[in-house]
């Protein structure tokens, strides 16, 4: 069975601009400004983007930022470490929500 997400579809990212070019241009300005060197360097921003892509399970961004990281000389080890940070934070958030279960149990008493 073919995948629902196809890498070649990433090239169609800009198709949404046909519906409202002004909004898409504003998005691109926001995006490009955000990803430029600021207090954080571009390498760090790419690693953050990769980690977030994994955390939100966005395959197009995973493909895109894996490629961007590789093109920037970021090693697979650095990428894996960033992805592990995202995974452990997501896992920790899951465990932290145990408090919600405790609150629900307490309300039953």
Protein backbone atom coordinates (compact mmCIF):
# COMPACT_ATOMS: atom_id res chain seq x y z
CA UNK A 1 0.00 0.00 0.00
CA UNK A 2 1.45 3.39 -0.90
CA UNK A 3 2.08 5.93 1.79
CA UNK A 4 -0.47 8.65 2.41
CA UNK A 5 2.41 11.13 2.57
CA UNK A 6 4.59 11.25 -0.53
CA UNK A 7 7.86 13.16 -0.50
CA UNK A 8 7.20 14.61 -3.93
CA UNK A 9 4.11 16.35 -2.52
CA UNK A 10 6.38 18.64 -0.50
CA UNK A 11 7.05 20.51 -3.74
CA UNK A 12 3.36 21.49 -3.75
CA UNK A 13 3.61 23.29 -0.41
CA UNK A 14 3.09 26.64 -2.08
CA UNK A 15 -0.12 25.61 -3.84
CA UNK A 16 -2.11 27.12 -1.00
CA UNK A 17 -0.86 30.53 -2.15
CA UNK A 18 -3.33 30.30 -5.03
CA UNK A 19 -6.18 30.68 -2.56
CA UNK A 20 -4.87 33.77 -0.79
CA UNK A 21 -1.48 35.02 -2.01
CA UNK A 22 -1.30 37.81 0.56
CA UNK A 23 -1.63 35.44 3.53
CA UNK A 24 0.91 33.05 2.05
CA UNK A 25 3.37 35.90 1.48
CA UNK A 26 2.91 36.98 5.11
CA UNK A 27 3.57 33.41 6.23
CA UNK A 28 6.74 33.21 4.11
CA UNK A 29 7.98 36.52 5.52
CA UNK A 30 7.31 35.29 9.08
CA UNK A 31 8.94 31.94 8.35
CA UNK A 32 12.07 33.31 6.67
CA UNK A 33 12.54 35.99 9.33
CA UNK A 34 12.14 33.44 12.12
CA UNK A 35 14.66 31.03 10.57
CA UNK A 36 17.36 33.70 10.07
CA UNK A 37 20.23 34.01 12.51
CA UNK A 38 19.18 35.92 15.57
CA UNK A 39 20.00 35.17 19.19
CA UNK A 40 19.99 31.53 18.04
CA UNK A 41 22.13 30.52 15.10
CA UNK A 42 20.63 28.91 11.99
CA UNK A 43 21.99 25.45 12.88
CA UNK A 44 20.21 25.51 16.23
CA UNK A 45 16.98 26.65 14.59
CA UNK A 46 17.17 23.80 12.08
CA UNK A 47 17.69 21.28 14.88
CA UNK A 48 14.74 22.74 16.80
CA UNK A 49 12.60 22.55 13.66
CA UNK A 50 13.62 18.92 13.11
CA UNK A 51 12.84 18.00 16.71
CA UNK A 52 9.45 19.74 16.56
CA UNK A 53 8.68 17.99 13.26
CA UNK A 54 9.22 14.64 14.97
CA UNK A 55 7.25 15.70 18.05
CA UNK A 56 4.22 16.71 15.99
CA UNK A 57 4.80 13.77 13.62
CA UNK A 58 4.79 15.91 10.47
CA UNK A 59 6.38 13.81 7.70
CA UNK A 60 6.85 16.65 5.23
CA UNK A 61 8.75 18.70 7.82
CA UNK A 62 10.74 15.63 8.85
CA UNK A 63 11.85 15.20 5.23
CA UNK A 64 12.46 18.91 4.74
CA UNK A 65 14.43 19.51 7.94
CA UNK A 66 16.40 16.29 7.69
CA UNK A 67 17.55 17.52 4.29
CA UNK A 68 18.17 21.08 5.56
CA UNK A 69 20.18 19.77 8.52
CA UNK A 70 22.25 17.48 6.30
CA UNK A 71 22.88 20.32 3.82
CA UNK A 72 24.07 22.48 6.73
CA UNK A 73 26.61 19.90 7.84
CA UNK A 74 24.62 18.71 10.85
CA UNK A 75 25.52 15.11 11.62
CA UNK A 76 23.05 12.27 12.03
CA UNK A 77 24.24 12.05 15.65
CA UNK A 78 23.31 15.69 16.28
CA UNK A 79 19.93 15.18 14.62
CA UNK A 80 19.28 12.03 16.65
CA UNK A 81 20.13 13.84 19.87
CA UNK A 82 17.69 16.64 19.03
CA UNK A 83 14.99 14.10 18.18
CA UNK A 84 15.63 12.29 21.46
CA UNK A 85 15.17 15.57 23.34
CA UNK A 86 11.79 16.03 21.65
CA UNK A 87 10.82 12.45 22.42
CA UNK A 88 11.74 12.63 26.09
CA UNK A 89 9.92 15.94 26.55
CA UNK A 90 6.84 14.50 24.85
CA UNK A 91 7.11 11.38 27.00
CA UNK A 92 7.55 13.45 30.14
CA UNK A 93 4.47 15.44 29.26
CA UNK A 94 2.52 12.22 28.98
CA UNK A 95 3.67 11.11 32.43
CA UNK A 96 3.03 14.57 33.90
CA UNK A 97 -0.61 14.27 32.91
CA UNK A 98 -0.95 11.51 35.51
CA UNK A 99 -1.94 14.37 37.80
CA UNK A 100 -5.16 14.66 35.75
CA UNK A 101 -5.95 11.03 36.56
CA UNK A 102 -5.22 11.67 40.24
CA UNK A 103 -7.59 14.67 40.17
CA UNK A 104 -10.31 12.55 38.55
CA UNK A 105 -9.86 9.86 41.19
CA UNK A 106 -10.00 12.46 43.97
CA UNK A 107 -13.25 13.90 42.60
CA UNK A 108 -14.85 10.45 42.85
CA UNK A 109 -14.07 10.22 46.57
